[in-house]
Structure formats: structure tokens, C-alpha cells
Amino acid sequence: MPDGDIVDLGCGAGAVGEALSKRFPDRRRIGVDQSTAMLGEAETSGCYDDMVQADIADWTPERAPAAIFSNAALNWVPGHVRLLPRLADMLLPGGTLAVQVPDQQAAPSHFLLRDLSAELFPRLFDWRDWAPEVLAPERLTGLLTPLGKVDLWQTVYFQRLPQCPDGHPVRQFTAGTAARPVLSKLDAKQTARFLAAYDAELAAYYPPDAEGCVLYPFQRLFFVLERPG
């Protein structure tokens, strides 16, 4: 890898800041996020040399970095066909783009959000033209291979979610992430109706064990692009 900055793109509260500081102790490490609150939390970790407030879709570095690392952030950004080559083009020759994104849209926990919202509230939700932001591995490979050396893999993490007093454990898991685009459009009465239907469907796909816990498989997609030197 060439000499240069290490960028944590979509750093959030700095969850990977410590790992990056240990891996690249002598590099300038830059955290980039749209949220000032998240940047403030990340800054307190002491793992970054600079914090930059920016939308990932519009961000441009002051100087070409040696590496752009992004953990569970690009899945919130549209237009990967344009975004990923743009990020790759920002790198120094020999630089690295390393990305991890959740790849869960085909899982019951996620497709039920779309199916049930459209079924229960057709005036509010129309998913017919919807497409996942995370590209299929075949499309990613075709997009990135002309830009350099590509390594790509998927990993399924099995999480045992604890019993919840209010709703199915998977519903609690998705409430703050995948379910937000649906729940944000519903009033209190609609939310109660939707969550009751969601809980019932989730129980069929993710049945609780004797302790009320649920084994929840969660797939993540990883890809690393190394630009030619």
C-alpha cells in the first residue's frame, strides 16, 4: 500500500477506529460522516487525526488517500454503479478500497417489511420499482474488475437474539435500521397494526426456542479493490 491517509468512510461513532489505529499507527486517519453527533463520539475515541462532516455521495478528499475503508455505511447510499468507481478513482496508485455492507434484503426479516407494508398500506408504499442498493456479486465483479484486483466474499453470521418483552426479537433488531423507512411513514395506529402483522410473520420464519430466543442468520458482503500501482 502506498504512503497516504486512511479514510474511515461513514465512520459513525468510531466503532472500527481502534482497529484502524492499531493497523495503521503511523498513518493520518480521517473519519468521515454526515452526522455531527456521530463525529463527536468518534473524535472522543482518540483514534482519528481529523474528522470531516460530509455526505458520502458528495465527499471528496483533500488529497488522494492510500485506503478508503467503509463498514456498514455504503448500503445507505444510493447509486453504487457510479459511487464505487468514483471512490476507486480517488485512491493513490496502488491504493485500496475495502468495504463491508449488510446483504440481507432477500432475508425474510427484510422482504417482509416491503411485502407487508405494501399489502397493508398500498397508498403509502409501492415497492415495484425498488432495487437493493447493494449490488449482486456478479454485478460488483463486473463493475470493479476493470479498475484493479478484486477480492469478494460473503459471510453469514448467526446471532442468537434474546427474548423481547415487546414483540419478536428480529423485529426489535430491525427497528432501528431496516424498518426505519417503513415505520417513519406510519402513525401510531398504523404502526401497531403493521408490527402485529410483522411479528406474526416473523414467528413463522424465525421460531423462538424454549427460552424465547431466536437464531438469526445475517449475511454480509465484503469486497476489496486494489488499484494498480
Protein backbone atom coordinates (compact mmCIF):
# COMPACT_ATOMS: atom_id res chain seq x y z
CA MET A 1 0.00 0.00 0.00
CA PRO A 2 1.36 3.49 -0.83
CA ASP A 3 2.07 6.15 1.76
CA GLY A 4 -1.04 8.19 2.40
CA ASP A 5 -4.09 8.80 4.54
CA ILE A 6 -6.53 6.14 5.76
CA VAL A 7 -10.17 7.18 5.46
CA ASP A 8 -12.97 5.63 7.53
CA LEU A 9 -15.90 6.50 5.27
CA GLY A 10 -19.15 6.55 7.20
CA CYS A 11 -17.28 6.16 10.47
CA GLY A 12 -20.33 6.61 12.68
CA ALA A 13 -19.36 6.62 16.35
CA GLY A 14 -15.94 5.20 15.51
CA ALA A 15 -16.61 1.51 16.02
CA VAL A 16 -13.59 0.49 13.94
CA GLY A 17 -11.37 3.41 14.88
CA GLU A 18 -9.31 1.41 17.35
CA ALA A 19 -8.73 -1.40 14.84
CA LEU A 20 -7.62 1.10 12.20
CA SER A 21 -5.29 2.87 14.62
CA LYS A 22 -3.63 -0.42 15.54
CA ARG A 23 -3.35 -1.50 11.90
CA PHE A 24 -2.11 1.89 10.67
CA PRO A 25 -0.47 3.59 13.68
CA ASP A 26 1.79 5.82 11.59
CA ARG A 27 -0.83 6.99 9.08
CA ARG A 28 -3.13 10.00 9.22
CA ARG A 29 -6.58 8.56 9.92
CA ILE A 30 -9.65 10.52 8.84
CA GLY A 31 -13.23 9.85 9.96
CA VAL A 32 -15.98 10.96 7.58
CA ASP A 33 -19.66 11.00 8.48
CA GLN A 34 -22.76 13.07 7.81
CA SER A 35 -23.80 13.18 11.48
CA THR A 36 -22.14 15.76 13.73
CA ALA A 37 -23.23 13.75 16.78
CA MET A 38 -21.55 10.60 15.46
CA LEU A 39 -18.40 12.52 14.58
CA GLY A 40 -18.29 13.90 18.09
CA GLU A 41 -18.45 10.40 19.55
CA ALA A 42 -15.81 9.12 17.15
CA GLU A 43 -13.49 12.00 17.99
CA THR A 44 -13.55 11.14 21.69
CA SER A 45 -12.01 7.75 20.91
CA GLY A 46 -8.72 9.45 20.05
CA CYS A 47 -8.31 7.11 17.07
CA TYR A 48 -8.66 9.74 14.36
CA ASP A 49 -6.43 12.63 13.38
CA ASP A 50 -9.17 14.53 11.59
CA MET A 51 -12.97 14.45 11.43
CA VAL A 52 -14.88 15.52 8.32
CA GLN A 53 -18.62 16.13 8.11
CA ALA A 54 -19.84 15.13 4.65
CA ASP A 55 -22.41 13.10 2.77
CA ILE A 56 -20.69 10.03 1.35
CA ALA A 57 -22.34 10.62 -2.02
CA ASP A 58 -20.70 14.07 -2.31
CA TRP A 59 -17.49 13.63 -0.32
CA THR A 60 -14.15 14.34 -1.96
CA PRO A 61 -10.85 14.04 -0.08
CA GLU A 62 -8.45 16.95 0.19
CA ARG A 63 -5.74 14.66 -1.15
CA ALA A 64 -5.70 11.17 -2.57
CA PRO A 65 -5.77 8.57 0.25
CA ALA A 66 -3.92 5.29 0.41
CA ALA A 67 -7.04 3.48 1.59
CA ILE A 68 -10.76 4.07 1.89
CA PHE A 69 -12.43 1.78 4.41
CA SER A 70 -16.19 1.63 4.83
CA ASN A 71 -18.02 -0.54 7.34
CA ALA A 72 -21.82 -0.93 7.07
CA ALA A 73 -22.33 2.53 5.59
CA LEU A 74 -22.49 2.34 1.78
CA ASN A 75 -25.73 0.33 1.98
CA TRP A 76 -27.41 3.62 2.95
CA VAL A 77 -26.05 5.44 -0.10
CA PRO A 78 -27.78 5.15 -3.50
CA GLY A 79 -26.16 4.78 -6.89
CA HIS A 80 -23.35 2.27 -6.35
CA VAL A 81 -22.77 1.93 -10.09
CA ARG A 82 -21.42 5.48 -10.05
CA LEU A 83 -20.28 5.69 -6.43
CA LEU A 84 -17.86 2.77 -6.33
CA PRO A 85 -15.80 3.71 -9.43
CA ARG A 86 -15.76 7.29 -8.12
CA LEU A 87 -14.31 6.14 -4.78
CA ALA A 88 -11.77 3.94 -6.52
CA ASP A 89 -10.67 6.85 -8.69
CA MET A 90 -9.91 8.92 -5.58
CA LEU A 91 -7.22 6.49 -4.41
CA LEU A 92 -3.49 6.79 -4.90
CA PRO A 93 -1.99 4.30 -7.38
CA GLY A 94 -1.74 1.02 -5.51
CA GLY A 95 -4.39 2.19 -3.02
CA THR A 96 -7.16 0.06 -1.56
CA LEU A 97 -10.93 0.35 -1.30
CA ALA A 98 -12.21 -2.02 1.40
CA VAL A 99 -15.95 -2.29 2.01
CA GLN A 100 -18.34 -4.31 4.16
CA VAL A 101 -22.09 -3.98 3.69
CA PRO A 102 -25.08 -5.89 5.05
CA ASP A 103 -26.52 -8.08 2.29
CA GLN A 104 -29.80 -9.03 3.89
CA GLN A 105 -32.53 -7.69 1.59
CA ALA A 106 -33.60 -11.15 0.43
CA ALA A 107 -33.98 -12.42 4.00
CA PRO A 108 -37.50 -12.77 5.50
CA SER A 109 -36.70 -10.08 8.07
CA HIS A 110 -36.32 -7.61 5.23
CA PHE A 111 -38.63 -8.71 2.42
CA LEU A 112 -41.50 -8.91 4.92
CA LEU A 113 -41.06 -5.19 5.59
CA ARG A 114 -41.71 -4.48 1.94
CA ASP A 115 -44.42 -7.09 1.37
CA LEU A 116 -46.47 -6.29 4.46
CA SER A 117 -46.23 -2.51 4.15
CA ALA A 118 -47.44 -2.66 0.54
CA GLU A 119 -50.22 -5.09 1.45
CA LEU A 120 -51.49 -3.17 4.49
CA PHE A 121 -50.91 0.40 3.28
CA PRO A 122 -50.85 0.40 -0.55
CA ARG A 123 -51.36 4.17 -0.68
CA LEU A 124 -48.17 4.73 1.29
CA PHE A 125 -45.89 2.05 -0.13
CA ASP A 126 -45.16 0.95 -3.67
CA TRP A 127 -42.04 -1.21 -3.96
CA ARG A 128 -42.50 -2.28 -7.58
CA ASP A 129 -39.55 -0.20 -8.79
CA TRP A 130 -37.44 -0.90 -5.71
CA ALA A 131 -33.97 -2.35 -6.11
CA PRO A 132 -31.40 -3.01 -3.37
CA GLU A 133 -28.54 -0.53 -3.12
CA VAL A 134 -26.08 -3.38 -2.54
CA LEU A 135 -25.26 -4.83 -5.94
CA ALA A 136 -25.25 -8.57 -6.57
CA PRO A 137 -21.77 -10.15 -6.51
CA GLU A 138 -21.86 -10.70 -10.27
CA ARG A 139 -22.57 -7.02 -10.92
CA LEU A 140 -19.96 -5.91 -8.42
CA THR A 141 -17.34 -8.09 -10.05
CA GLY A 142 -18.15 -6.75 -13.49
CA LEU A 143 -18.08 -3.17 -12.22
CA LEU A 144 -14.84 -3.37 -10.23
CA THR A 145 -12.63 -5.81 -12.15
CA PRO A 146 -11.69 -3.24 -14.84
CA LEU A 147 -10.48 -0.95 -12.03
CA GLY A 148 -7.99 -3.31 -10.36
CA LYS A 149 -7.61 -6.53 -8.41
CA VAL A 150 -10.85 -7.57 -6.70
CA ASP A 151 -11.50 -9.93 -3.80
CA LEU A 152 -15.14 -10.50 -2.91
CA TRP A 153 -16.84 -12.81 -0.42
CA GLN A 154 -19.98 -13.27 1.67
CA THR A 155 -20.22 -14.38 5.28
CA VAL A 156 -23.31 -15.40 7.25
CA TYR A 157 -23.21 -14.54 10.95
CA PHE A 158 -25.61 -16.43 13.21
CA GLN A 159 -26.85 -14.32 16.10
CA ARG A 160 -28.90 -15.67 18.98
CA LEU A 161 -31.29 -12.83 19.72
CA PRO A 162 -32.71 -12.74 23.26
CA GLN A 163 -36.39 -12.87 24.09
CA CYS A 164 -38.08 -9.47 23.98
CA PRO A 165 -40.97 -8.41 26.21
CA ASP A 166 -42.46 -6.38 23.36
CA GLY A 167 -42.50 -8.14 20.01
CA HIS A 168 -40.47 -10.68 18.12
CA PRO A 169 -36.67 -10.49 18.67
CA VAL A 170 -35.99 -9.93 14.97
CA ARG A 171 -38.47 -7.07 14.91
CA GLN A 172 -36.52 -5.44 17.71
CA PHE A 173 -33.31 -6.00 15.73
CA THR A 174 -34.60 -4.30 12.56
CA ALA A 175 -36.50 -1.48 14.28
CA GLY A 176 -33.60 0.96 14.23
CA THR A 177 -32.22 0.05 10.81
CA ALA A 178 -34.06 -1.75 8.00
CA ALA A 179 -37.53 -0.96 9.35
CA ARG A 180 -36.98 2.77 9.65
CA PRO A 181 -38.13 3.69 6.10
CA VAL A 182 -41.43 1.92 6.80
CA LEU A 183 -42.08 2.96 10.39
CA SER A 184 -41.26 6.60 9.69
CA LYS A 185 -44.31 6.86 7.40
CA LEU A 186 -46.83 5.34 9.82
CA ASP A 187 -48.87 6.96 12.57
CA ALA A 188 -49.34 5.27 15.94
CA LYS A 189 -52.40 3.24 14.92
CA GLN A 190 -50.83 2.14 11.64
CA THR A 191 -47.59 1.24 13.42
CA ALA A 192 -49.40 -1.02 15.86
CA ARG A 193 -51.22 -2.77 13.01
CA PHE A 194 -48.06 -3.23 11.00
CA LEU A 195 -45.96 -4.51 13.90
CA ALA A 196 -48.61 -7.06 14.88
CA ALA A 197 -48.59 -8.46 11.33
CA TYR A 198 -44.78 -8.33 11.15
CA ASP A 199 -44.41 -10.18 14.47
CA ALA A 200 -46.77 -12.93 13.32
CA GLU A 201 -44.92 -13.47 10.04
CA LEU A 202 -41.50 -13.35 11.69
CA ALA A 203 -42.52 -16.10 14.11
CA ALA A 204 -43.15 -18.43 11.17
CA TYR A 205 -39.70 -17.81 9.67
CA TYR A 206 -37.75 -17.44 12.93
CA PRO A 207 -39.46 -19.61 15.55
CA PRO A 208 -38.35 -18.93 19.15
CA ASP A 209 -36.68 -21.71 21.11
CA ALA A 210 -37.73 -22.89 24.57
CA GLU A 211 -36.18 -19.78 26.13
CA GLY A 212 -37.85 -17.41 23.70
CA CYS A 213 -34.60 -16.72 21.85
CA VAL A 214 -34.22 -16.73 18.07
CA LEU A 215 -31.32 -17.82 15.89
CA TYR A 216 -30.99 -15.08 13.28
CA PRO A 217 -28.70 -15.55 10.26
CA PHE A 218 -27.33 -12.27 8.95
CA GLN A 219 -25.37 -12.11 5.70
CA ARG A 220 -22.68 -9.55 4.99
CA LEU A 221 -20.83 -8.82 1.75
CA PHE A 222 -17.14 -7.91 1.71
CA PHE A 223 -15.10 -6.63 -1.20
CA VAL A 224 -11.57 -5.27 -1.54
CA LEU A 225 -10.32 -3.45 -4.61
CA GLU A 226 -6.60 -2.81 -5.07
CA ARG A 227 -5.80 -0.24 -7.72
CA PRO A 228 -2.82 -0.85 -10.00
CA GLY A 229 0.42 0.77 -8.80
